[in-house]
């Protein structure tokens, strides 16, 4: 997500901290998935105005829906990334914001260390898409944050956002997505660290990319399976759990293709509720892991904690 509202208070994820009067006491959350370990990592959080962020509702509808949950349209937006320890590989899904958005974000590596891992141990970083809050943490200054990791990105995403011709054709408001991708990924390419992939094959045993286009041109889910257990990492198809689980047709101002995004979201929600596997979501309250169940209106998220 973009247009983060910057806040002046310097916060640390080493211990409990407040953002917009909400307490964040954890920087990581650990759970087992079959033989794998999944570690949710909190990059940080900032307030977002859902009336400005979301589309596809009547004026004032967002505020009314939030009020039913005793909340306002100003929500705390978590930025979550996830580490998969397969026993053989350490695989990170998304890289957080880095230094892109100010002091309330960019704390992923702090949580990683608290969880017992070092950036140099990471073998691979799988990107759901190239928006800055998912790729900003790939670089620390002019250095690779994860120096021993290969970075994986769908070919569809790379071909679109790393193409200067596509940038020229894009609406002015969307050009920053191309600029951010070039800024963070060109050093990765120069270092020989970027691998692009087509869909349909495992990247690592138990880890498979799934096309989920709409929010971006080559947006990717990652299905992780071990010993009969499954977790699907959703990236940015949900930006508000309260609004979009109940109303999957609600889109966002950052969607590349709203129709495709809606179709992807509706299909994903239906399948997750039916099959009852774990889902991990980048921008709902940390750790963003839980199950989906059918509700009277749409779906309801049941958080792991």
Foldseek 3Di string as FASTA:
>chain_A
DDPFDADDDFDDQVAWDDEPRDIDGAQWDWDDFAQKIKIKGWQFKGWDQQQAWWDDDDPPPQQVLQVVVVHGSTDIWIFIKMWICNVVATEIEFQAQQPPGDRRGRCRQVNCVVVPDHLQRHAEYEYQAQARRRQNRCDHVLHGRNNNYAYEDAPQRCVQLCDVVNLVVDPPVCNVSSVSNCVRCVSCVVVVRYDHDHADDAPDVQWGWDAQAWLGRGGIWIWGHHPHAIEIEHEALDQDQSPCQLPLLMGTPSTPHSVSSSVSSVVVLVVQQVVVGWYAYRIDPPPRIFGWHQDPGGIHTDHPD
